[in-house]
Amino acid sequence: MVASKTQSKLFVKFMKGCEKRMGRLVKQDLGISLEMLNASVAIYEMELAEESVSQERKRFIIVCAASFIMLWVWALRRGEIFMVEASDFVK
């Protein structure tokens, strides 16, 4: 008899059923691709080009785009992103 609750016959069958339905491939904490980053920046650039966009919205778009780019590059160099308070990051 197995003492661990996670190795019971019922739990093992449950896990096999989950793997059968959902698959075994798990991709956690994957960064976005360069193509995705470029597409996101292109969307930002299109919105910035519109004359009807307010200055406050333009500033927000620029901060977001710069954040994505800097964090993406940082993740390439370090394999992780830096953690910082949002207000400190804006400063």
PDB file of N, CA and C in Angstrom:
ATOM      1  N   MET A   1       0.841  -1.178   0.000  1.00  0.00           N
ATOM      2  CA  MET A   1       0.000   0.000   0.000  1.00  0.00           C
ATOM      3  C   MET A   1       0.889   1.247   0.000  1.00  0.00           C
ATOM      4  N   VAL A   2       0.455   2.276  -0.700  1.00  0.00           N
ATOM      5  CA  VAL A   2       1.202   3.525  -0.819  1.00  0.00           C
ATOM      6  C   VAL A   2       0.761   4.483   0.283  1.00  0.00           C
ATOM      7  N   ALA A   3       1.748   5.105   0.938  1.00  0.00           N
ATOM      8  CA  ALA A   3       1.429   6.023   2.033  1.00  0.00           C
ATOM      9  C   ALA A   3       1.112   7.431   1.526  1.00  0.00           C
ATOM     10  N   SER A   4       1.675   7.807   0.379  1.00  0.00           N
ATOM     11  CA  SER A   4       1.464   9.150  -0.150  1.00  0.00           C
ATOM     12  C   SER A   4       0.085   9.273  -0.783  1.00  0.00           C
ATOM     13  N   LYS A   5      -0.601  10.379  -0.474  1.00  0.00           N
ATOM     14  CA  LYS A   5      -1.945  10.597  -1.021  1.00  0.00           C
ATOM     15  C   LYS A   5      -1.899  10.884  -2.514  1.00  0.00           C
ATOM     16  N   THR A   6      -0.769  11.378  -3.007  1.00  0.00           N
ATOM     17  CA  THR A   6      -0.678  11.684  -4.436  1.00  0.00           C
ATOM     18  C   THR A   6      -0.316  10.466  -5.277  1.00  0.00           C
ATOM     19  N   GLN A   7      -0.106   9.337  -4.660  1.00  0.00           N
ATOM     20  CA  GLN A   7       0.205   8.117  -5.404  1.00  0.00           C
ATOM     21  C   GLN A   7      -0.886   7.075  -5.264  1.00  0.00           C
ATOM     22  N   SER A   8      -2.052   7.489  -4.795  1.00  0.00           N
ATOM     23  CA  SER A   8      -3.147   6.528  -4.682  1.00  0.00           C
ATOM     24  C   SER A   8      -3.605   6.114  -6.080  1.00  0.00           C
ATOM     25  N   LYS A   9      -4.257   4.986  -6.179  1.00  0.00           N
ATOM     26  CA  LYS A   9      -4.714   4.460  -7.460  1.00  0.00           C
ATOM     27  C   LYS A   9      -5.681   5.440  -8.134  1.00  0.00           C
ATOM     28  N   LEU A  10      -6.566   6.024  -7.350  1.00  0.00           N
ATOM     29  CA  LEU A  10      -7.542   6.964  -7.886  1.00  0.00           C
ATOM     30  C   LEU A  10      -6.854   8.216  -8.438  1.00  0.00           C
ATOM     31  N   PHE A  11      -5.889   8.751  -7.685  1.00  0.00           N
ATOM     32  CA  PHE A  11      -5.208   9.956  -8.123  1.00  0.00           C
ATOM     33  C   PHE A  11      -4.370   9.699  -9.372  1.00  0.00           C
ATOM     34  N   VAL A  12      -3.686   8.564  -9.440  1.00  0.00           N
ATOM     35  CA  VAL A  12      -2.872   8.223 -10.614  1.00  0.00           C
ATOM     36  C   VAL A  12      -3.763   8.118 -11.851  1.00  0.00           C
ATOM     37  N   LYS A  13      -4.937   7.498 -11.719  1.00  0.00           N
ATOM     38  CA  LYS A  13      -5.870   7.396 -12.852  1.00  0.00           C
ATOM     39  C   LYS A  13      -6.379   8.776 -13.255  1.00  0.00           C
ATOM     40  N   PHE A  14      -6.645   9.629 -12.261  1.00  0.00           N
ATOM     41  CA  PHE A  14      -7.087  10.988 -12.539  1.00  0.00           C
ATOM     42  C   PHE A  14      -6.029  11.737 -13.346  1.00  0.00           C
ATOM     43  N   MET A  15      -4.771  11.634 -12.944  1.00  0.00           N
ATOM     44  CA  MET A  15      -3.687  12.324 -13.637  1.00  0.00           C
ATOM     45  C   MET A  15      -3.493  11.785 -15.058  1.00  0.00           C
ATOM     46  N   LYS A  16      -3.628  10.479 -15.229  1.00  0.00           N
ATOM     47  CA  LYS A  16      -3.512   9.906 -16.579  1.00  0.00           C
ATOM     48  C   LYS A  16      -4.628  10.424 -17.475  1.00  0.00           C
ATOM     49  N   GLY A  17      -5.831  10.556 -16.910  1.00  0.00           N
ATOM     50  CA  GLY A  17      -6.955  11.112 -17.668  1.00  0.00           C
ATOM     51  C   GLY A  17      -6.713  12.566 -18.047  1.00  0.00           C
ATOM     52  N   CYS A  18      -6.148  13.340 -17.122  1.00  0.00           N
ATOM     53  CA  CYS A  18      -5.822  14.742 -17.421  1.00  0.00           C
ATOM     54  C   CYS A  18      -4.804  14.831 -18.545  1.00  0.00           C
ATOM     55  N   GLU A  19      -3.763  14.024 -18.471  1.00  0.00           N
ATOM     56  CA  GLU A  19      -2.733  14.034 -19.506  1.00  0.00           C
ATOM     57  C   GLU A  19      -3.303  13.613 -20.856  1.00  0.00           C
ATOM     58  N   LYS A  20      -4.225  12.670 -20.846  1.00  0.00           N
ATOM     59  CA  LYS A  20      -4.822  12.202 -22.095  1.00  0.00           C
ATOM     60  C   LYS A  20      -5.675  13.302 -22.732  1.00  0.00           C
ATOM     61  N   ARG A  21      -6.422  14.044 -21.904  1.00  0.00           N
ATOM     62  CA  ARG A  21      -7.290  15.086 -22.433  1.00  0.00           C
ATOM     63  C   ARG A  21      -6.533  16.365 -22.775  1.00  0.00           C
ATOM     64  N   MET A  22      -5.583  16.756 -21.962  1.00  0.00           N
ATOM     65  CA  MET A  22      -4.905  18.041 -22.136  1.00  0.00           C
ATOM     66  C   MET A  22      -3.530  17.920 -22.775  1.00  0.00           C
ATOM     67  N   GLY A  23      -2.964  16.775 -22.787  1.00  0.00           N
ATOM     68  CA  GLY A  23      -1.621  16.610 -23.333  1.00  0.00           C
ATOM     69  C   GLY A  23      -0.571  16.829 -22.263  1.00  0.00           C
ATOM     70  N   ARG A  24       0.634  16.431 -22.561  1.00  0.00           N
ATOM     71  CA  ARG A  24       1.712  16.491 -21.571  1.00  0.00           C
ATOM     72  C   ARG A  24       2.582  17.734 -21.731  1.00  0.00           C
ATOM     73  N   LEU A  25       2.533  18.355 -22.916  1.00  0.00           N
ATOM     74  CA  LEU A  25       3.386  19.493 -23.193  1.00  0.00           C
ATOM     75  C   LEU A  25       2.946  20.695 -22.358  1.00  0.00           C
ATOM     76  N   VAL A  26       3.864  21.213 -21.560  1.00  0.00           N
ATOM     77  CA  VAL A  26       3.590  22.377 -20.719  1.00  0.00           C
ATOM     78  C   VAL A  26       4.622  23.447 -21.035  1.00  0.00           C
ATOM     79  N   LYS A  27       4.160  24.637 -21.374  1.00  0.00           N
ATOM     80  CA  LYS A  27       5.056  25.749 -21.667  1.00  0.00           C
ATOM     81  C   LYS A  27       4.743  26.859 -20.683  1.00  0.00           C
ATOM     82  N   GLN A  28       5.541  26.985 -19.664  1.00  0.00           N
ATOM     83  CA  GLN A  28       5.339  28.014 -18.658  1.00  0.00           C
ATOM     84  C   GLN A  28       6.380  29.097 -18.813  1.00  0.00           C
ATOM     85  N   ASP A  29       5.978  30.304 -18.532  1.00  0.00           N
ATOM     86  CA  ASP A  29       6.884  31.449 -18.487  1.00  0.00           C
ATOM     87  C   ASP A  29       7.680  31.637 -19.775  1.00  0.00           C
ATOM     88  N   LEU A  30       7.005  31.461 -20.905  1.00  0.00           N
ATOM     89  CA  LEU A  30       7.679  31.705 -22.170  1.00  0.00           C
ATOM     90  C   LEU A  30       7.517  33.167 -22.544  1.00  0.00           C
ATOM     91  N   GLY A  31       8.580  33.781 -22.993  1.00  0.00           N
ATOM     92  CA  GLY A  31       8.505  35.170 -23.428  1.00  0.00           C
ATOM     93  C   GLY A  31       7.840  35.273 -24.786  1.00  0.00           C
ATOM     94  N   ILE A  32       7.486  36.499 -25.138  1.00  0.00           N
ATOM     95  CA  ILE A  32       6.882  36.690 -26.450  1.00  0.00           C
ATOM     96  C   ILE A  32       7.980  36.685 -27.509  1.00  0.00           C
ATOM     97  N   SER A  33       7.603  36.316 -28.709  1.00  0.00           N
ATOM     98  CA  SER A  33       8.575  36.250 -29.798  1.00  0.00           C
ATOM     99  C   SER A  33       8.852  37.657 -30.333  1.00  0.00           C
ATOM    100  N   LEU A  34       9.898  37.776 -31.108  1.00  0.00           N
ATOM    101  CA  LEU A  34      10.248  39.055 -31.719  1.00  0.00           C
ATOM    102  C   LEU A  34       9.128  39.523 -32.653  1.00  0.00           C
ATOM    103  N   GLU A  35       8.519  38.586 -33.357  1.00  0.00           N
ATOM    104  CA  GLU A  35       7.417  38.936 -34.260  1.00  0.00           C
ATOM    105  C   GLU A  35       6.247  39.526 -33.479  1.00  0.00           C
ATOM    106  N   MET A  36       5.946  38.935 -32.329  1.00  0.00           N
ATOM    107  CA  MET A  36       4.862  39.459 -31.498  1.00  0.00           C
ATOM    108  C   MET A  36       5.199  40.841 -30.961  1.00  0.00           C
ATOM    109  N   LEU A  37       6.422  41.029 -30.541  1.00  0.00           N
ATOM    110  CA  LEU A  37       6.847  42.332 -30.044  1.00  0.00           C
ATOM    111  C   LEU A  37       6.736  43.377 -31.144  1.00  0.00           C
ATOM    112  N   ASN A  38       7.199  43.053 -32.344  1.00  0.00           N
ATOM    113  CA  ASN A  38       7.104  43.984 -33.473  1.00  0.00           C
ATOM    114  C   ASN A  38       5.652  44.312 -33.814  1.00  0.00           C
ATOM    115  N   ALA A  39       4.789  43.311 -33.771  1.00  0.00           N
ATOM    116  CA  ALA A  39       3.369  43.546 -34.058  1.00  0.00           C
ATOM    117  C   ALA A  39       2.745  44.461 -33.007  1.00  0.00           C
ATOM    118  N   SER A  40       3.111  44.268 -31.751  1.00  0.00           N
ATOM    119  CA  SER A  40       2.591  45.124 -30.674  1.00  0.00           C
ATOM    120  C   SER A  40       3.062  46.559 -30.859  1.00  0.00           C
ATOM    121  N   VAL A  41       4.329  46.742 -31.168  1.00  0.00           N
ATOM    122  CA  VAL A  41       4.869  48.083 -31.374  1.00  0.00           C
ATOM    123  C   VAL A  41       4.221  48.733 -32.600  1.00  0.00           C
ATOM    124  N   ALA A  42       3.947  47.952 -33.628  1.00  0.00           N
ATOM    125  CA  ALA A  42       3.287  48.498 -34.822  1.00  0.00           C
ATOM    126  C   ALA A  42       1.890  49.010 -34.483  1.00  0.00           C
ATOM    127  N   ILE A  43       1.179  48.302 -33.639  1.00  0.00           N
ATOM    128  CA  ILE A  43      -0.147  48.746 -33.207  1.00  0.00           C
ATOM    129  C   ILE A  43      -0.036  50.050 -32.428  1.00  0.00           C
ATOM    130  N   TYR A  44       0.960  50.131 -31.556  1.00  0.00           N
ATOM    131  CA  TYR A  44       1.188  51.376 -30.810  1.00  0.00           C
ATOM    132  C   TYR A  44       1.504  52.524 -31.759  1.00  0.00           C
ATOM    133  N   GLU A  45       2.351  52.274 -32.758  1.00  0.00           N
ATOM    134  CA  GLU A  45       2.729  53.327 -33.700  1.00  0.00           C
ATOM    135  C   GLU A  45       1.530  53.829 -34.495  1.00  0.00           C
ATOM    136  N   MET A  46       0.628  52.920 -34.877  1.00  0.00           N
ATOM    137  CA  MET A  46      -0.576  53.338 -35.607  1.00  0.00           C
ATOM    138  C   MET A  46      -1.449  54.236 -34.739  1.00  0.00           C
ATOM    139  N   GLU A  47      -1.596  53.884 -33.464  1.00  0.00           N
ATOM    140  CA  GLU A  47      -2.413  54.709 -32.577  1.00  0.00           C
ATOM    141  C   GLU A  47      -1.747  56.054 -32.312  1.00  0.00           C
ATOM    142  N   LEU A  48      -0.433  56.081 -32.193  1.00  0.00           N
ATOM    143  CA  LEU A  48       0.283  57.346 -31.981  1.00  0.00           C
ATOM    144  C   LEU A  48       0.155  58.279 -33.177  1.00  0.00           C
ATOM    145  N   ALA A  49       0.026  57.722 -34.379  1.00  0.00           N
ATOM    146  CA  ALA A  49      -0.072  58.530 -35.594  1.00  0.00           C
ATOM    147  C   ALA A  49      -1.429  59.219 -35.734  1.00  0.00           C
ATOM    148  N   GLU A  50      -2.432  58.733 -35.034  1.00  0.00           N
ATOM    149  CA  GLU A  50      -3.764  59.342 -35.118  1.00  0.00           C
ATOM    150  C   GLU A  50      -3.767  60.698 -34.420  1.00  0.00           C
ATOM    151  N   GLU A  51      -4.375  61.672 -35.072  1.00  0.00           N
ATOM    152  CA  GLU A  51      -4.422  63.018 -34.502  1.00  0.00           C
ATOM    153  C   GLU A  51      -5.415  63.134 -33.359  1.00  0.00           C
ATOM    154  N   SER A  52      -6.396  62.270 -33.308  1.00  0.00           N
ATOM    155  CA  SER A  52      -7.448  62.364 -32.290  1.00  0.00           C
ATOM    156  C   SER A  52      -7.016  61.832 -30.920  1.00  0.00           C
ATOM    157  N   VAL A  53      -5.848  61.235 -30.839  1.00  0.00           N
ATOM    158  CA  VAL A  53      -5.369  60.650 -29.580  1.00  0.00           C
ATOM    159  C   VAL A  53      -4.851  61.759 -28.666  1.00  0.00           C
ATOM    160  N   SER A  54      -5.273  61.740 -27.407  1.00  0.00           N
ATOM    161  CA  SER A  54      -4.863  62.769 -26.449  1.00  0.00           C
ATOM    162  C   SER A  54      -3.394  62.611 -26.069  1.00  0.00           C
ATOM    163  N   GLN A  55      -2.819  63.687 -25.548  1.00  0.00           N
ATOM    164  CA  GLN A  55      -1.426  63.670 -25.110  1.00  0.00           C
ATOM    165  C   GLN A  55      -1.225  62.670 -23.972  1.00  0.00           C
ATOM    166  N   GLU A  56      -2.199  62.590 -23.077  1.00  0.00           N
ATOM    167  CA  GLU A  56      -2.102  61.643 -21.962  1.00  0.00           C
ATOM    168  C   GLU A  56      -2.059  60.201 -22.472  1.00  0.00           C
ATOM    169  N   ARG A  57      -2.904  59.899 -23.458  1.00  0.00           N
ATOM    170  CA  ARG A  57      -2.925  58.550 -24.043  1.00  0.00           C
ATOM    171  C   ARG A  57      -1.608  58.272 -24.777  1.00  0.00           C
ATOM    172  N   LYS A  58      -1.083  59.270 -25.483  1.00  0.00           N
ATOM    173  CA  LYS A  58       0.191  59.086 -26.195  1.00  0.00           C
ATOM    174  C   LYS A  58       1.314  58.772 -25.212  1.00  0.00           C
ATOM    175  N   ARG A  59       1.333  59.493 -24.083  1.00  0.00           N
ATOM    176  CA  ARG A  59       2.353  59.236 -23.070  1.00  0.00           C
ATOM    177  C   ARG A  59       2.231  57.810 -22.538  1.00  0.00           C
ATOM    178  N   PHE A  60       1.005  57.381 -22.286  1.00  0.00           N
ATOM    179  CA  PHE A  60       0.767  56.025 -21.790  1.00  0.00           C
ATOM    180  C   PHE A  60       1.248  54.986 -22.802  1.00  0.00           C
ATOM    181  N   ILE A  61       0.960  55.214 -24.075  1.00  0.00           N
ATOM    182  CA  ILE A  61       1.382  54.280 -25.125  1.00  0.00           C
ATOM    183  C   ILE A  61       2.900  54.195 -25.185  1.00  0.00           C
ATOM    184  N   ILE A  62       3.561  55.339 -25.108  1.00  0.00           N
ATOM    185  CA  ILE A  62       5.026  55.357 -25.176  1.00  0.00           C
ATOM    186  C   ILE A  62       5.632  54.626 -23.982  1.00  0.00           C
ATOM    187  N   VAL A  63       5.074  54.852 -22.794  1.00  0.00           N
ATOM    188  CA  VAL A  63       5.577  54.163 -21.589  1.00  0.00           C
ATOM    189  C   VAL A  63       5.376  52.649 -21.722  1.00  0.00           C
ATOM    190  N   CYS A  64       4.211  52.239 -22.200  1.00  0.00           N
ATOM    191  CA  CYS A  64       3.951  50.797 -22.367  1.00  0.00           C
ATOM    192  C   CYS A  64       4.889  50.170 -23.398  1.00  0.00           C
ATOM    193  N   ALA A  65       5.032  50.822 -24.535  1.00  0.00           N
ATOM    194  CA  ALA A  65       5.903  50.279 -25.584  1.00  0.00           C
ATOM    195  C   ALA A  65       7.342  50.200 -25.096  1.00  0.00           C
ATOM    196  N   ALA A  66       7.805  51.253 -24.445  1.00  0.00           N
ATOM    197  CA  ALA A  66       9.177  51.252 -23.927  1.00  0.00           C
ATOM    198  C   ALA A  66       9.355  50.156 -22.882  1.00  0.00           C
ATOM    199  N   SER A  67       8.347  49.964 -22.047  1.00  0.00           N
ATOM    200  CA  SER A  67       8.410  48.915 -21.019  1.00  0.00           C
ATOM    201  C   SER A  67       8.533  47.538 -21.653  1.00  0.00           C
ATOM    202  N   PHE A  68       7.678  47.257 -22.631  1.00  0.00           N
ATOM    203  CA  PHE A  68       7.726  45.948 -23.282  1.00  0.00           C
ATOM    204  C   PHE A  68       9.085  45.706 -23.921  1.00  0.00           C
ATOM    205  N   ILE A  69       9.597  46.706 -24.603  1.00  0.00           N
ATOM    206  CA  ILE A  69      10.874  46.536 -25.293  1.00  0.00           C
ATOM    207  C   ILE A  69      12.010  46.342 -24.296  1.00  0.00           C
ATOM    208  N   MET A  70      12.055  47.189 -23.265  1.00  0.00           N
ATOM    209  CA  MET A  70      13.136  47.061 -22.277  1.00  0.00           C
ATOM    210  C   MET A  70      13.064  45.728 -21.531  1.00  0.00           C
ATOM    211  N   LEU A  71      11.872  45.314 -21.138  1.00  0.00           N
ATOM    212  CA  LEU A  71      11.734  44.048 -20.422  1.00  0.00           C
ATOM    213  C   LEU A  71      12.067  42.867 -21.322  1.00  0.00           C
ATOM    214  N   TRP A  72      11.702  42.968 -22.599  1.00  0.00           N
ATOM    215  CA  TRP A  72      12.003  41.887 -23.537  1.00  0.00           C
ATOM    216  C   TRP A  72      13.523  41.749 -23.696  1.00  0.00           C
ATOM    217  N   VAL A  73      14.216  42.873 -23.872  1.00  0.00           N
ATOM    218  CA  VAL A  73      15.666  42.833 -24.017  1.00  0.00           C
ATOM    219  C   VAL A  73      16.317  42.355 -22.720  1.00  0.00           C
ATOM    220  N   TRP A  74      15.825  42.831 -21.597  1.00  0.00           N
ATOM    221  CA  TRP A  74      16.372  42.407 -20.302  1.00  0.00           C
ATOM    222  C   TRP A  74      16.228  40.895 -20.130  1.00  0.00           C
ATOM    223  N   ALA A  75      15.086  40.349 -20.540  1.00  0.00           N
ATOM    224  CA  ALA A  75      14.868  38.906 -20.424  1.00  0.00           C
ATOM    225  C   ALA A  75      15.831  38.126 -21.315  1.00  0.00           C
ATOM    226  N   LEU A  76      16.193  38.689 -22.460  1.00  0.00           N
ATOM    227  CA  LEU A  76      17.164  38.021 -23.327  1.00  0.00           C
ATOM    228  C   LEU A  76      18.534  37.947 -22.658  1.00  0.00           C
ATOM    229  N   ARG A  77      18.915  39.034 -21.986  1.00  0.00           N
ATOM    230  CA  ARG A  77      20.240  39.085 -21.379  1.00  0.00           C
ATOM    231  C   ARG A  77      20.316  38.311 -20.075  1.00  0.00           C
ATOM    232  N   ARG A  78      19.288  38.384 -19.280  1.00  0.00           N
ATOM    233  CA  ARG A  78      19.335  37.816 -17.936  1.00  0.00           C
ATOM    234  C   ARG A  78      18.499  36.547 -17.778  1.00  0.00           C
ATOM    235  N   GLY A  79      17.560  36.320 -18.687  1.00  0.00           N
ATOM    236  CA  GLY A  79      16.678  35.178 -18.539  1.00  0.00           C
ATOM    237  C   GLY A  79      15.526  35.438 -17.585  1.00  0.00           C
ATOM    238  N   GLU A  80      15.458  36.647 -17.082  1.00  0.00           N
ATOM    239  CA  GLU A  80      14.377  37.016 -16.173  1.00  0.00           C
ATOM    240  C   GLU A  80      14.171  38.523 -16.273  1.00  0.00           C
ATOM    241  N   ILE A  81      13.014  38.985 -15.843  1.00  0.00           N
ATOM    242  CA  ILE A  81      12.768  40.420 -15.865  1.00  0.00           C
ATOM    243  C   ILE A  81      12.977  40.985 -14.482  1.00  0.00           C
ATOM    244  N   PHE A  82      13.334  42.255 -14.423  1.00  0.00           N
ATOM    245  CA  PHE A  82      13.548  42.866 -13.125  1.00  0.00           C
ATOM    246  C   PHE A  82      12.212  43.268 -12.511  1.00  0.00           C
ATOM    247  N   MET A  83      12.154  43.214 -11.206  1.00  0.00           N
ATOM    248  CA  MET A  83      10.936  43.592 -10.497  1.00  0.00           C
ATOM    249  C   MET A  83      11.120  44.997  -9.947  1.00  0.00           C
ATOM    250  N   VAL A  84      10.176  45.863 -10.240  1.00  0.00           N
ATOM    251  CA  VAL A  84      10.263  47.237  -9.755  1.00  0.00           C
ATOM    252  C   VAL A  84       8.845  47.758  -9.570  1.00  0.00           C
ATOM    253  N   GLU A  85       8.687  48.627  -8.619  1.00  0.00           N
ATOM    254  CA  GLU A  85       7.410  49.283  -8.380  1.00  0.00           C
ATOM    255  C   GLU A  85       7.061  50.108  -9.623  1.00  0.00           C
ATOM    256  N   ALA A  86       5.812  50.105 -10.047  1.00  0.00           N
ATOM    257  CA  ALA A  86       5.415  50.799 -11.266  1.00  0.00           C
ATOM    258  C   ALA A  86       5.717  52.290 -11.202  1.00  0.00           C
ATOM    259  N   SER A  87       5.480  52.917 -10.059  1.00  0.00           N
ATOM    260  CA  SER A  87       5.746  54.357  -9.943  1.00  0.00           C
ATOM    261  C   SER A  87       7.234  54.648 -10.071  1.00  0.00           C
ATOM    262  N   ASP A  88       8.079  53.795  -9.534  1.00  0.00           N
ATOM    263  CA  ASP A  88       9.529  53.977  -9.666  1.00  0.00           C
ATOM    264  C   ASP A  88       9.968  53.782 -11.109  1.00  0.00           C
ATOM    265  N   PHE A  89       9.314  52.853 -11.798  1.00  0.00           N
ATOM    266  CA  PHE A  89       9.660  52.592 -13.184  1.00  0.00           C
ATOM    267  C   PHE A  89       9.334  53.818 -14.051  1.00  0.00           C
ATOM    268  N   VAL A  90       8.188  54.443 -13.808  1.00  0.00           N
ATOM    269  CA  VAL A  90       7.786  55.609 -14.578  1.00  0.00           C
ATOM    270  C   VAL A  90       8.747  56.771 -14.347  1.00  0.00           C
ATOM    271  N   LYS A  91       9.232  56.910 -13.078  1.00  0.00           N
ATOM    272  CA  LYS A  91      10.204  57.971 -12.766  1.00  0.00           C
ATOM    273  C   LYS A  91      11.463  57.765 -13.592  1.00  0.00           C
TER     274      LYS A  91
END
